[in-house]
Amino acid sequence: MKKNSFIEGTLIATLSIVLVKSMGLLYVIPFYSVVGKQGGALYGYAYNIYSMFIVLSTTGIPIAISKIISEYNTLGYLEAKVRAFKIGKRIVNFTAILSFVILFTFARSIASIIIGDLTGGNTIEDVTVVIRAISFAVLVIPYLSLTRGYLQGHKFITPSSRSQIIEQLVRVSIIIIGSFLTYRVLKLSLTTTVAVAVTGAFFGGLVAVSYLSIKTKKNKEKLGFNYDQKDNITTKEIIRKLAQYTVPYIVLNLGAQLYTFVDMVLVLRTLGHVGYAAPDVEFIASAISTWALKFNLIISSLAVGLAISLIPNIVQSFVKNDWKDVKLK
């Protein structure tokens, strides 16, 4: 692995994110042709709930770790940066397991909130199945995000970006191929088909984690994992920094996800009560809360790509008090 410059890192991160988001948009066409309105709505229910819990488990962690690693690396605190990664790993593992338990255990209750008394479309049992199917992804994605943040903090943007492409390729392949085989070839139910599709998030994350694990094991020395001399940085200080960098992102992103979820539920309840047929209600709700948002993600990905490369570079200049370089970047 080699470190990427600011410009090189920005280009790599931006192009990979645009590619990932484009794949996330284009798979909708073949997937929708297989599962139709009802299946698309069912997928949207699971995806929205999953997104909300992923926010709790991962939002802010990659950025926080990237900033801390870049800062400690610049100051020569090689042991402290590894300790920060290990502390972050404990935190995300705890939140991941907690989120999984909540999602899996209370899937039916969550499904009841979503569906309410709407009849003629997806049932509470259908939604329960797909929520439980997607809940396994919450066990993998948080650690994947943390590892990416650690690599980005060292300015290793290329492997982090490749892992995103790998994750999305596996995920989209399972969604398209899995749904086609399940529904058209094996002739299984629509609920089973969507359940297979949402497991793409788990397997995509698993393959990406495996890829990054191989990369990190081959580059332990570059990443500081072989350094064990204790630095004069307390664990309490590291946790404080993690909280300081992470909490604002969680609040902002969780608010946005809650808004989307409430919007979806309100559309389902309101249109159902005024007499719209259940299939039409579910199609409108899923279009508003899930599918339409995918167009916005491609535009916002440009800013995300810039931020991924900018954060470790600007933190390094800031720690060195190189204000000229900070302003230049």
C-alpha atoms as a PDB file:
ATOM      1  CA  MET A   1       0.000   0.000   0.000  1.00  0.00           C
ATOM      2  CA  LYS A   2       1.143   3.543  -0.695  1.00  0.00           C
ATOM      3  CA  LYS A   3      -0.137   6.808   0.721  1.00  0.00           C
ATOM      4  CA  ASN A   4      -2.179   9.061  -1.540  1.00  0.00           C
ATOM      5  CA  SER A   5      -1.613  12.780  -1.944  1.00  0.00           C
ATOM      6  CA  PHE A   6      -4.478  15.184  -1.292  1.00  0.00           C
ATOM      7  CA  ILE A   7      -5.384  15.587  -4.983  1.00  0.00           C
ATOM      8  CA  GLU A   8      -4.874  11.906  -5.793  1.00  0.00           C
ATOM      9  CA  GLY A   9      -6.883  10.829  -2.752  1.00  0.00           C
ATOM     10  CA  THR A  10      -9.720  13.207  -3.604  1.00  0.00           C
ATOM     11  CA  LEU A  11      -9.958  11.906  -7.176  1.00  0.00           C
ATOM     12  CA  ILE A  12      -9.849   8.249  -6.114  1.00  0.00           C
ATOM     13  CA  ALA A  13     -12.387   8.697  -3.299  1.00  0.00           C
ATOM     14  CA  THR A  14     -14.761  10.785  -5.423  1.00  0.00           C
ATOM     15  CA  LEU A  15     -14.675   8.470  -8.441  1.00  0.00           C
ATOM     16  CA  SER A  16     -15.200   5.372  -6.307  1.00  0.00           C
ATOM     17  CA  ILE A  17     -18.123   6.911  -4.419  1.00  0.00           C
ATOM     18  CA  VAL A  18     -19.762   8.123  -7.644  1.00  0.00           C
ATOM     19  CA  LEU A  19     -19.337   4.604  -9.080  1.00  0.00           C
ATOM     20  CA  VAL A  20     -20.771   3.026  -5.923  1.00  0.00           C
ATOM     21  CA  LYS A  21     -23.768   5.373  -5.844  1.00  0.00           C
ATOM     22  CA  SER A  22     -24.363   4.882  -9.582  1.00  0.00           C
ATOM     23  CA  MET A  23     -24.476   1.112  -9.073  1.00  0.00           C
ATOM     24  CA  GLY A  24     -26.853   1.713  -6.173  1.00  0.00           C
ATOM     25  CA  LEU A  25     -29.126   3.631  -8.521  1.00  0.00           C
ATOM     26  CA  LEU A  26     -28.933   1.410 -11.604  1.00  0.00           C
ATOM     27  CA  TYR A  27     -29.725  -1.886  -9.847  1.00  0.00           C
ATOM     28  CA  VAL A  28     -33.206  -0.527  -9.123  1.00  0.00           C
ATOM     29  CA  ILE A  29     -34.288  -1.101 -12.750  1.00  0.00           C
ATOM     30  CA  PRO A  30     -33.704  -4.892 -12.994  1.00  0.00           C
ATOM     31  CA  PHE A  31     -34.641  -5.431  -9.338  1.00  0.00           C
ATOM     32  CA  TYR A  32     -37.954  -3.611  -9.727  1.00  0.00           C
ATOM     33  CA  SER A  33     -38.746  -5.568 -12.896  1.00  0.00           C
ATOM     34  CA  VAL A  34     -38.547  -8.757 -10.807  1.00  0.00           C
ATOM     35  CA  VAL A  35     -40.260  -7.777  -7.535  1.00  0.00           C
ATOM     36  CA  GLY A  36     -42.650  -5.047  -8.738  1.00  0.00           C
ATOM     37  CA  LYS A  37     -44.294  -2.343  -6.620  1.00  0.00           C
ATOM     38  CA  GLN A  38     -45.061  -4.528  -3.626  1.00  0.00           C
ATOM     39  CA  GLY A  39     -41.578  -6.038  -3.490  1.00  0.00           C
ATOM     40  CA  GLY A  40     -39.990  -2.619  -3.962  1.00  0.00           C
ATOM     41  CA  ALA A  41     -42.023  -1.248  -1.064  1.00  0.00           C
ATOM     42  CA  LEU A  42     -41.062  -4.214   1.130  1.00  0.00           C
ATOM     43  CA  TYR A  43     -37.393  -3.659   0.327  1.00  0.00           C
ATOM     44  CA  GLY A  44     -37.806   0.033   1.161  1.00  0.00           C
ATOM     45  CA  TYR A  45     -39.240  -0.723   4.604  1.00  0.00           C
ATOM     46  CA  ALA A  46     -36.266  -2.905   5.528  1.00  0.00           C
ATOM     47  CA  TYR A  47     -33.734  -0.501   4.036  1.00  0.00           C
ATOM     48  CA  ASN A  48     -35.060   2.534   5.920  1.00  0.00           C
ATOM     49  CA  ILE A  49     -34.992   0.776   9.286  1.00  0.00           C
ATOM     50  CA  TYR A  50     -31.533  -0.629   8.530  1.00  0.00           C
ATOM     51  CA  SER A  51     -30.244   2.844   7.613  1.00  0.00           C
ATOM     52  CA  MET A  52     -31.467   4.263  10.911  1.00  0.00           C
ATOM     53  CA  PHE A  53     -29.635   1.645  12.969  1.00  0.00           C
ATOM     54  CA  ILE A  54     -26.509   1.911  10.822  1.00  0.00           C
ATOM     55  CA  VAL A  55     -26.448   5.628  11.659  1.00  0.00           C
ATOM     56  CA  LEU A  56     -26.390   4.744  15.365  1.00  0.00           C
ATOM     57  CA  SER A  57     -23.615   2.189  14.853  1.00  0.00           C
ATOM     58  CA  THR A  58     -21.319   3.884  12.332  1.00  0.00           C
ATOM     59  CA  THR A  59     -22.022   7.559  11.673  1.00  0.00           C
ATOM     60  CA  GLY A  60     -19.095   9.745  12.591  1.00  0.00           C
ATOM     61  CA  ILE A  61     -16.813   6.844  13.539  1.00  0.00           C
ATOM     62  CA  PRO A  62     -14.807   6.739  10.252  1.00  0.00           C
ATOM     63  CA  ILE A  63     -14.352  10.527  10.318  1.00  0.00           C
ATOM     64  CA  ALA A  64     -13.491  10.556  14.037  1.00  0.00           C
ATOM     65  CA  ILE A  65     -10.964   7.735  13.680  1.00  0.00           C
ATOM     66  CA  SER A  66      -9.494   9.335  10.549  1.00  0.00           C
ATOM     67  CA  LYS A  67      -8.966  12.646  12.391  1.00  0.00           C
ATOM     68  CA  ILE A  68      -7.514  11.038  15.523  1.00  0.00           C
ATOM     69  CA  ILE A  69      -5.181   8.733  13.571  1.00  0.00           C
ATOM     70  CA  SER A  70      -3.924  11.598  11.414  1.00  0.00           C
ATOM     71  CA  GLU A  71      -3.361  13.788  14.494  1.00  0.00           C
ATOM     72  CA  TYR A  72      -1.550  11.128  16.546  1.00  0.00           C
ATOM     73  CA  ASN A  73       0.463   9.940  13.552  1.00  0.00           C
ATOM     74  CA  THR A  74       1.707  13.479  12.908  1.00  0.00           C
ATOM     75  CA  LEU A  75       2.625  13.960  16.583  1.00  0.00           C
ATOM     76  CA  GLY A  76       4.403  10.592  16.707  1.00  0.00           C
ATOM     77  CA  TYR A  77       1.941   8.925  19.090  1.00  0.00           C
ATOM     78  CA  LEU A  78       2.148   5.588  17.310  1.00  0.00           C
ATOM     79  CA  GLU A  79       0.863   3.432  20.161  1.00  0.00           C
ATOM     80  CA  ALA A  80      -1.962   5.843  20.993  1.00  0.00           C
ATOM     81  CA  LYS A  81      -3.332   5.730  17.449  1.00  0.00           C
ATOM     82  CA  VAL A  82      -3.530   1.919  17.581  1.00  0.00           C
ATOM     83  CA  ARG A  83      -5.172   2.158  21.014  1.00  0.00           C
ATOM     84  CA  ALA A  84      -7.700   4.623  19.578  1.00  0.00           C
ATOM     85  CA  PHE A  85      -8.528   2.099  16.848  1.00  0.00           C
ATOM     86  CA  LYS A  86      -8.971  -0.692  19.417  1.00  0.00           C
ATOM     87  CA  ILE A  87     -11.212   1.500  21.593  1.00  0.00           C
ATOM     88  CA  GLY A  88     -13.243   2.422  18.523  1.00  0.00           C
ATOM     89  CA  LYS A  89     -13.517  -1.279  17.657  1.00  0.00           C
ATOM     90  CA  ARG A  90     -14.926  -2.084  21.101  1.00  0.00           C
ATOM     91  CA  ILE A  91     -17.454   0.732  20.794  1.00  0.00           C
ATOM     92  CA  VAL A  92     -18.684  -0.247  17.319  1.00  0.00           C
ATOM     93  CA  ASN A  93     -18.807  -3.934  18.242  1.00  0.00           C
ATOM     94  CA  PHE A  94     -20.990  -3.113  21.240  1.00  0.00           C
ATOM     95  CA  THR A  95     -23.325  -0.828  19.279  1.00  0.00           C
ATOM     96  CA  ALA A  96     -23.464  -3.331  16.403  1.00  0.00           C
ATOM     97  CA  ILE A  97     -24.484  -6.225  18.650  1.00  0.00           C
ATOM     98  CA  LEU A  98     -26.985  -4.032  20.508  1.00  0.00           C
ATOM     99  CA  SER A  99     -28.502  -2.796  17.230  1.00  0.00           C
ATOM    100  CA  PHE A 100     -28.731  -6.359  15.890  1.00  0.00           C
ATOM    101  CA  VAL A 101     -30.473  -7.615  19.042  1.00  0.00           C
ATOM    102  CA  ILE A 102     -32.966  -4.727  18.965  1.00  0.00           C
ATOM    103  CA  LEU A 103     -33.688  -5.158  15.247  1.00  0.00           C
ATOM    104  CA  PHE A 104     -34.055  -8.928  15.387  1.00  0.00           C
ATOM    105  CA  THR A 105     -36.018  -9.051  18.649  1.00  0.00           C
ATOM    106  CA  PHE A 106     -38.368  -6.148  17.997  1.00  0.00           C
ATOM    107  CA  ALA A 107     -38.755  -6.654  14.238  1.00  0.00           C
ATOM    108  CA  ARG A 108     -42.466  -7.409  14.569  1.00  0.00           C
ATOM    109  CA  SER A 109     -43.111  -4.324  16.719  1.00  0.00           C
ATOM    110  CA  ILE A 110     -41.259  -2.143  14.206  1.00  0.00           C
ATOM    111  CA  ALA A 111     -43.236  -3.747  11.366  1.00  0.00           C
ATOM    112  CA  SER A 112     -46.488  -2.946  13.201  1.00  0.00           C
ATOM    113  CA  ILE A 113     -45.482   0.713  13.448  1.00  0.00           C
ATOM    114  CA  ILE A 114     -44.757   0.822   9.711  1.00  0.00           C
ATOM    115  CA  ILE A 115     -47.800  -1.031   8.386  1.00  0.00           C
ATOM    116  CA  GLY A 116     -50.363   0.011  10.984  1.00  0.00           C
ATOM    117  CA  ASP A 117     -53.833  -1.028   9.869  1.00  0.00           C
ATOM    118  CA  LEU A 118     -53.063  -0.953   6.130  1.00  0.00           C
ATOM    119  CA  THR A 119     -54.447  -4.053   4.403  1.00  0.00           C
ATOM    120  CA  GLY A 120     -54.254  -5.438   0.889  1.00  0.00           C
ATOM    121  CA  GLY A 121     -50.481  -5.112   0.463  1.00  0.00           C
ATOM    122  CA  ASN A 122     -47.486  -6.247   2.481  1.00  0.00           C
ATOM    123  CA  THR A 123     -48.363  -7.695   5.870  1.00  0.00           C
ATOM    124  CA  ILE A 124     -46.726  -7.239   9.261  1.00  0.00           C
ATOM    125  CA  GLU A 125     -45.313 -10.764   8.911  1.00  0.00           C
ATOM    126  CA  ASP A 126     -43.718  -9.865   5.545  1.00  0.00           C
ATOM    127  CA  VAL A 127     -42.022  -6.775   6.958  1.00  0.00           C
ATOM    128  CA  THR A 128     -40.872  -8.707  10.038  1.00  0.00           C
ATOM    129  CA  VAL A 129     -39.101 -11.282   7.856  1.00  0.00           C
ATOM    130  CA  VAL A 130     -37.148  -8.727   5.801  1.00  0.00           C
ATOM    131  CA  ILE A 131     -36.175  -6.639   8.840  1.00  0.00           C
ATOM    132  CA  ARG A 132     -34.733  -9.747  10.488  1.00  0.00           C
ATOM    133  CA  ALA A 133     -32.953 -10.683   7.263  1.00  0.00           C
ATOM    134  CA  ILE A 134     -31.241  -7.305   6.962  1.00  0.00           C
ATOM    135  CA  SER A 135     -30.413  -7.088  10.682  1.00  0.00           C
ATOM    136  CA  PHE A 136     -27.354  -9.341  10.188  1.00  0.00           C
ATOM    137  CA  ALA A 137     -25.675  -6.606   8.122  1.00  0.00           C
ATOM    138  CA  VAL A 138     -25.528  -4.426  11.242  1.00  0.00           C
ATOM    139  CA  LEU A 139     -23.007  -6.900  12.697  1.00  0.00           C
ATOM    140  CA  VAL A 140     -20.517  -6.305   9.860  1.00  0.00           C
ATOM    141  CA  ILE A 141     -20.847  -2.774   8.475  1.00  0.00           C
ATOM    142  CA  PRO A 142     -19.786  -0.855  11.640  1.00  0.00           C
ATOM    143  CA  TYR A 143     -16.402  -2.617  11.821  1.00  0.00           C
ATOM    144  CA  LEU A 144     -15.962  -2.096   8.073  1.00  0.00           C
ATOM    145  CA  SER A 145     -16.523   1.655   8.498  1.00  0.00           C
ATOM    146  CA  LEU A 146     -14.052   1.791  11.392  1.00  0.00           C
ATOM    147  CA  THR A 147     -11.320   0.043   9.388  1.00  0.00           C
ATOM    148  CA  ARG A 148     -11.849   2.421   6.484  1.00  0.00           C
ATOM    149  CA  GLY A 149     -11.462   5.369   8.839  1.00  0.00           C
ATOM    150  CA  TYR A 150      -8.185   3.950  10.176  1.00  0.00           C
ATOM    151  CA  LEU A 151      -6.786   3.557   6.663  1.00  0.00           C
ATOM    152  CA  GLN A 152      -7.999   7.003   5.601  1.00  0.00           C
ATOM    153  CA  GLY A 153      -6.269   8.523   8.635  1.00  0.00           C
ATOM    154  CA  HIS A 154      -2.996   7.134   7.258  1.00  0.00           C
ATOM    155  CA  LYS A 155      -3.870   8.546   3.800  1.00  0.00           C
ATOM    156  CA  PHE A 156      -4.344   5.052   2.359  1.00  0.00           C
ATOM    157  CA  ILE A 157      -7.374   6.104   0.330  1.00  0.00           C
ATOM    158  CA  THR A 158      -7.049   3.505  -2.450  1.00  0.00           C
ATOM    159  CA  PRO A 159      -7.753   0.307  -0.423  1.00  0.00           C
ATOM    160  CA  SER A 160     -10.587   2.036   1.424  1.00  0.00           C
ATOM    161  CA  SER A 161     -12.161   3.097  -1.872  1.00  0.00           C
ATOM    162  CA  ARG A 162     -11.666  -0.325  -3.429  1.00  0.00           C
ATOM    163  CA  SER A 163     -13.438  -1.920  -0.473  1.00  0.00           C
ATOM    164  CA  GLN A 164     -16.467   0.295  -1.142  1.00  0.00           C
ATOM    165  CA  ILE A 165     -16.591  -0.839  -4.765  1.00  0.00           C
ATOM    166  CA  ILE A 166     -16.175  -4.502  -3.748  1.00  0.00           C
ATOM    167  CA  GLU A 167     -18.918  -4.183  -1.139  1.00  0.00           C
ATOM    168  CA  GLN A 168     -21.341  -2.615  -3.604  1.00  0.00           C
ATOM    169  CA  LEU A 169     -20.541  -5.080  -6.395  1.00  0.00           C
ATOM    170  CA  VAL A 170     -21.284  -8.047  -4.133  1.00  0.00           C
ATOM    171  CA  ARG A 171     -24.393  -6.384  -2.715  1.00  0.00           C
ATOM    172  CA  VAL A 172     -25.852  -5.427  -6.101  1.00  0.00           C
ATOM    173  CA  SER A 173     -25.009  -8.844  -7.586  1.00  0.00           C
ATOM    174  CA  ILE A 174     -26.894 -10.611  -4.794  1.00  0.00           C
ATOM    175  CA  ILE A 175     -29.845  -8.232  -5.138  1.00  0.00           C
ATOM    176  CA  ILE A 176     -30.181  -8.729  -8.907  1.00  0.00           C
ATOM    177  CA  ILE A 177     -29.123 -12.362  -9.337  1.00  0.00           C
ATOM    178  CA  GLY A 178     -30.531 -13.533  -6.005  1.00  0.00           C
ATOM    179  CA  SER A 179     -33.948 -11.985  -6.575  1.00  0.00           C
ATOM    180  CA  PHE A 180     -34.151 -13.348 -10.129  1.00  0.00           C
ATOM    181  CA  LEU A 181     -33.209 -16.898  -9.119  1.00  0.00           C
ATOM    182  CA  THR A 182     -35.436 -16.889  -6.045  1.00  0.00           C
ATOM    183  CA  TYR A 183     -38.557 -15.498  -7.704  1.00  0.00           C
ATOM    184  CA  ARG A 184     -38.331 -16.468 -11.374  1.00  0.00           C
ATOM    185  CA  VAL A 185     -36.394 -19.748 -11.238  1.00  0.00           C
ATOM    186  CA  LEU A 186     -37.171 -21.257  -7.826  1.00  0.00           C
ATOM    187  CA  LYS A 187     -40.677 -19.726  -7.786  1.00  0.00           C
ATOM    188  CA  LEU A 188     -40.468 -18.811  -4.096  1.00  0.00           C
ATOM    189  CA  SER A 189     -42.573 -16.129  -2.420  1.00  0.00           C
ATOM    190  CA  LEU A 190     -42.078 -12.389  -2.885  1.00  0.00           C
ATOM    191  CA  THR A 191     -41.202 -12.015   0.796  1.00  0.00           C
ATOM    192  CA  THR A 192     -38.459 -14.644   0.515  1.00  0.00           C
ATOM    193  CA  THR A 193     -37.170 -12.933  -2.629  1.00  0.00           C
ATOM    194  CA  VAL A 194     -36.834  -9.559  -0.906  1.00  0.00           C
ATOM    195  CA  ALA A 195     -35.299 -11.237   2.159  1.00  0.00           C
ATOM    196  CA  VAL A 196     -32.619 -12.750  -0.091  1.00  0.00           C
ATOM    197  CA  ALA A 197     -32.038  -9.361  -1.725  1.00  0.00           C
ATOM    198  CA  VAL A 198     -31.491  -7.506   1.562  1.00  0.00           C
ATOM    199  CA  THR A 199     -28.885 -10.058   2.696  1.00  0.00           C
ATOM    200  CA  GLY A 200     -26.697  -8.527  -0.003  1.00  0.00           C
ATOM    201  CA  ALA A 201     -25.766  -5.825   2.513  1.00  0.00           C
ATOM    202  CA  PHE A 202     -24.394  -8.465   4.907  1.00  0.00           C
ATOM    203  CA  PHE A 203     -22.426 -10.453   2.334  1.00  0.00           C
ATOM    204  CA  GLY A 204     -21.132  -7.305   0.626  1.00  0.00           C
ATOM    205  CA  GLY A 205     -19.846  -6.037   3.956  1.00  0.00           C
ATOM    206  CA  LEU A 206     -18.343  -9.430   4.804  1.00  0.00           C
ATOM    207  CA  VAL A 207     -16.350  -9.610   1.555  1.00  0.00           C
ATOM    208  CA  ALA A 208     -15.165  -5.996   1.977  1.00  0.00           C
ATOM    209  CA  VAL A 209     -14.064  -6.694   5.570  1.00  0.00           C
ATOM    210  CA  SER A 210     -12.126  -9.754   4.363  1.00  0.00           C
ATOM    211  CA  TYR A 211     -10.393  -7.650   1.704  1.00  0.00           C
ATOM    212  CA  LEU A 212      -9.363  -4.955   4.201  1.00  0.00           C
ATOM    213  CA  SER A 213      -8.252  -7.577   6.742  1.00  0.00           C
ATOM    214  CA  ILE A 214      -5.846  -9.029   4.173  1.00  0.00           C
ATOM    215  CA  LYS A 215      -4.544  -5.538   3.376  1.00  0.00           C
ATOM    216  CA  THR A 216      -4.008  -4.580   7.020  1.00  0.00           C
ATOM    217  CA  LYS A 217      -2.266  -7.873   7.877  1.00  0.00           C
ATOM    218  CA  LYS A 218       0.158  -7.390   4.990  1.00  0.00           C
ATOM    219  CA  ASN A 219       0.934  -3.817   6.095  1.00  0.00           C
ATOM    220  CA  LYS A 220       1.049  -4.066   9.896  1.00  0.00           C
ATOM    221  CA  GLU A 221       4.274  -2.091  10.138  1.00  0.00           C
ATOM    222  CA  LYS A 222       3.019   0.792   7.985  1.00  0.00           C
ATOM    223  CA  LEU A 223      -0.166   0.951  10.053  1.00  0.00           C
ATOM    224  CA  GLY A 224       1.687   0.894  13.387  1.00  0.00           C
ATOM    225  CA  PHE A 225       0.305  -2.402  14.687  1.00  0.00           C
ATOM    226  CA  ASN A 226       3.802  -3.650  15.596  1.00  0.00           C
ATOM    227  CA  TYR A 227       4.556  -0.628  17.805  1.00  0.00           C
ATOM    228  CA  ASP A 228       3.954  -1.260  21.511  1.00  0.00           C
ATOM    229  CA  GLN A 229       5.782   1.504  23.410  1.00  0.00           C
ATOM    230  CA  LYS A 230       3.180   3.230  25.615  1.00  0.00           C
ATOM    231  CA  ASP A 231       2.416   6.872  24.732  1.00  0.00           C
ATOM    232  CA  ASN A 232       1.498   9.551  27.250  1.00  0.00           C
ATOM    233  CA  ILE A 233      -2.122   9.677  26.072  1.00  0.00           C
ATOM    234  CA  THR A 234      -4.824   8.424  28.425  1.00  0.00           C
ATOM    235  CA  THR A 235      -7.656   6.184  27.311  1.00  0.00           C
ATOM    236  CA  LYS A 236     -10.066   8.730  28.783  1.00  0.00           C
ATOM    237  CA  GLU A 237      -8.693  11.416  26.461  1.00  0.00           C
ATOM    238  CA  ILE A 238      -9.103   9.146  23.430  1.00  0.00           C
ATOM    239  CA  ILE A 239     -12.723   8.358  24.355  1.00  0.00           C
ATOM    240  CA  ARG A 240     -13.408  12.068  24.860  1.00  0.00           C
ATOM    241  CA  LYS A 241     -12.049  12.841  21.398  1.00  0.00           C
ATOM    242  CA  LEU A 242     -14.091  10.040  19.836  1.00  0.00           C
ATOM    243  CA  ALA A 243     -17.268  11.336  21.479  1.00  0.00           C
ATOM    244  CA  GLN A 244     -16.480  14.933  20.561  1.00  0.00           C
ATOM    245  CA  TYR A 245     -16.009  14.072  16.891  1.00  0.00           C
ATOM    246  CA  THR A 246     -18.774  11.453  16.607  1.00  0.00           C
ATOM    247  CA  VAL A 247     -21.822  12.741  18.530  1.00  0.00           C
ATOM    248  CA  PRO A 248     -22.581  15.752  16.253  1.00  0.00           C
ATOM    249  CA  TYR A 249     -22.642  13.487  13.180  1.00  0.00           C
ATOM    250  CA  ILE A 250     -24.904  10.974  14.919  1.00  0.00           C
ATOM    251  CA  VAL A 251     -27.381  13.682  15.952  1.00  0.00           C
ATOM    252  CA  LEU A 252     -27.530  15.231  12.471  1.00  0.00           C
ATOM    253  CA  ASN A 253     -27.749  11.976  10.516  1.00  0.00           C
ATOM    254  CA  LEU A 254     -30.119  10.272  12.925  1.00  0.00           C
ATOM    255  CA  GLY A 255     -32.399  13.293  12.682  1.00  0.00           C
ATOM    256  CA  ALA A 256     -32.403  12.975   8.892  1.00  0.00           C
ATOM    257  CA  GLN A 257     -33.145   9.232   9.043  1.00  0.00           C
ATOM    258  CA  LEU A 258     -35.933   9.722  11.588  1.00  0.00           C
ATOM    259  CA  TYR A 259     -37.432  12.385   9.335  1.00  0.00           C
ATOM    260  CA  THR A 260     -37.435   9.933   6.408  1.00  0.00           C
ATOM    261  CA  PHE A 261     -38.933   7.153   8.541  1.00  0.00           C
ATOM    262  CA  VAL A 262     -41.682   9.379   9.964  1.00  0.00           C
ATOM    263  CA  ASP A 263     -42.369  10.698   6.466  1.00  0.00           C
ATOM    264  CA  MET A 264     -42.811   7.139   5.182  1.00  0.00           C
ATOM    265  CA  VAL A 265     -45.152   6.154   8.029  1.00  0.00           C
ATOM    266  CA  LEU A 266     -47.237   9.327   7.659  1.00  0.00           C
ATOM    267  CA  VAL A 267     -47.648   8.784   3.912  1.00  0.00           C
ATOM    268  CA  LEU A 268     -48.717   5.170   4.510  1.00  0.00           C
ATOM    269  CA  ARG A 269     -51.246   6.122   7.188  1.00  0.00           C
ATOM    270  CA  THR A 270     -52.644   9.240   5.503  1.00  0.00           C
ATOM    271  CA  LEU A 271     -53.100   7.852   1.984  1.00  0.00           C
ATOM    272  CA  GLY A 272     -54.521   4.634   3.412  1.00  0.00           C
ATOM    273  CA  HIS A 273     -57.129   6.523   5.426  1.00  0.00           C
ATOM    274  CA  VAL A 274     -58.261   8.696   2.504  1.00  0.00           C
ATOM    275  CA  GLY A 275     -59.059   5.656   0.385  1.00  0.00           C
ATOM    276  CA  TYR A 276     -56.035   4.889  -1.779  1.00  0.00           C
ATOM    277  CA  ALA A 277     -55.480   1.218  -2.603  1.00  0.00           C
ATOM    278  CA  ALA A 278     -52.723  -0.468  -0.567  1.00  0.00           C
ATOM    279  CA  PRO A 279     -50.413  -1.189  -3.566  1.00  0.00           C
ATOM    280  CA  ASP A 280     -50.546   2.484  -4.626  1.00  0.00           C
ATOM    281  CA  VAL A 281     -49.955   3.694  -1.066  1.00  0.00           C
ATOM    282  CA  GLU A 282     -46.906   1.459  -0.659  1.00  0.00           C
ATOM    283  CA  PHE A 283     -45.497   2.466  -4.036  1.00  0.00           C
ATOM    284  CA  ILE A 284     -45.780   6.187  -3.249  1.00  0.00           C
ATOM    285  CA  ALA A 285     -44.279   5.751   0.231  1.00  0.00           C
ATOM    286  CA  SER A 286     -41.306   3.733  -1.017  1.00  0.00           C
ATOM    287  CA  ALA A 287     -40.711   6.126  -3.932  1.00  0.00           C
ATOM    288  CA  ILE A 288     -40.573   9.112  -1.574  1.00  0.00           C
ATOM    289  CA  SER A 289     -38.551   7.559   1.246  1.00  0.00           C
ATOM    290  CA  THR A 290     -36.183   5.213  -0.606  1.00  0.00           C
ATOM    291  CA  TRP A 291     -35.900   5.329  -4.375  1.00  0.00           C
ATOM    292  CA  ALA A 292     -36.055   9.097  -5.001  1.00  0.00           C
ATOM    293  CA  LEU A 293     -33.269   9.713  -2.469  1.00  0.00           C
ATOM    294  CA  LYS A 294     -30.827   7.664  -4.539  1.00  0.00           C
ATOM    295  CA  PHE A 295     -30.621  10.465  -7.117  1.00  0.00           C
ATOM    296  CA  ASN A 296     -29.528  12.947  -4.445  1.00  0.00           C
ATOM    297  CA  LEU A 297     -26.813  10.600  -3.184  1.00  0.00           C
ATOM    298  CA  ILE A 298     -24.841  10.830  -6.436  1.00  0.00           C
ATOM    299  CA  ILE A 299     -24.598  14.627  -6.106  1.00  0.00           C
ATOM    300  CA  SER A 300     -23.715  14.533  -2.405  1.00  0.00           C
ATOM    301  CA  SER A 301     -21.054  11.885  -3.065  1.00  0.00           C
ATOM    302  CA  LEU A 302     -18.843  14.563  -4.650  1.00  0.00           C
ATOM    303  CA  ALA A 303     -18.579  16.345  -1.301  1.00  0.00           C
ATOM    304  CA  VAL A 304     -18.039  13.055   0.559  1.00  0.00           C
ATOM    305  CA  GLY A 305     -15.130  12.124  -1.710  1.00  0.00           C
ATOM    306  CA  LEU A 306     -13.489  15.475  -1.032  1.00  0.00           C
ATOM    307  CA  ALA A 307     -13.985  15.135   2.735  1.00  0.00           C
ATOM    308  CA  ILE A 308     -12.440  11.638   2.870  1.00  0.00           C
ATOM    309  CA  SER A 309      -9.145  12.929   1.476  1.00  0.00           C
ATOM    310  CA  LEU A 310      -9.320  16.421   2.987  1.00  0.00           C
ATOM    311  CA  ILE A 311      -9.736  15.447   6.656  1.00  0.00           C
ATOM    312  CA  PRO A 312      -6.436  13.561   7.250  1.00  0.00           C
ATOM    313  CA  ASN A 313      -4.484  16.061   5.151  1.00  0.00           C
ATOM    314  CA  ILE A 314      -5.868  19.170   6.803  1.00  0.00           C
ATOM    315  CA  VAL A 315      -5.539  17.657  10.304  1.00  0.00           C
ATOM    316  CA  GLN A 316      -1.863  16.939   9.620  1.00  0.00           C
ATOM    317  CA  SER A 317      -1.252  20.557   8.563  1.00  0.00           C
ATOM    318  CA  PHE A 318      -3.276  21.871  11.520  1.00  0.00           C
ATOM    319  CA  VAL A 319      -1.294  19.829  14.063  1.00  0.00           C
ATOM    320  CA  LYS A 320       1.950  21.136  12.541  1.00  0.00           C
ATOM    321  CA  ASN A 321       0.581  24.718  12.774  1.00  0.00           C
ATOM    322  CA  ASP A 322       1.123  25.023   9.028  1.00  0.00           C
ATOM    323  CA  TRP A 323      -1.638  27.593   8.530  1.00  0.00           C
ATOM    324  CA  LYS A 324      -0.559  28.382   4.985  1.00  0.00           C
ATOM    325  CA  ASP A 325      -1.125  24.756   3.967  1.00  0.00           C
ATOM    326  CA  VAL A 326      -4.446  24.670   5.866  1.00  0.00           C
ATOM    327  CA  LYS A 327      -5.703  27.688   3.909  1.00  0.00           C
ATOM    328  CA  LEU A 328      -4.381  26.253   0.654  1.00  0.00           C
ATOM    329  CA  LYS A 329      -6.262  22.984   1.174  1.00  0.00           C
END
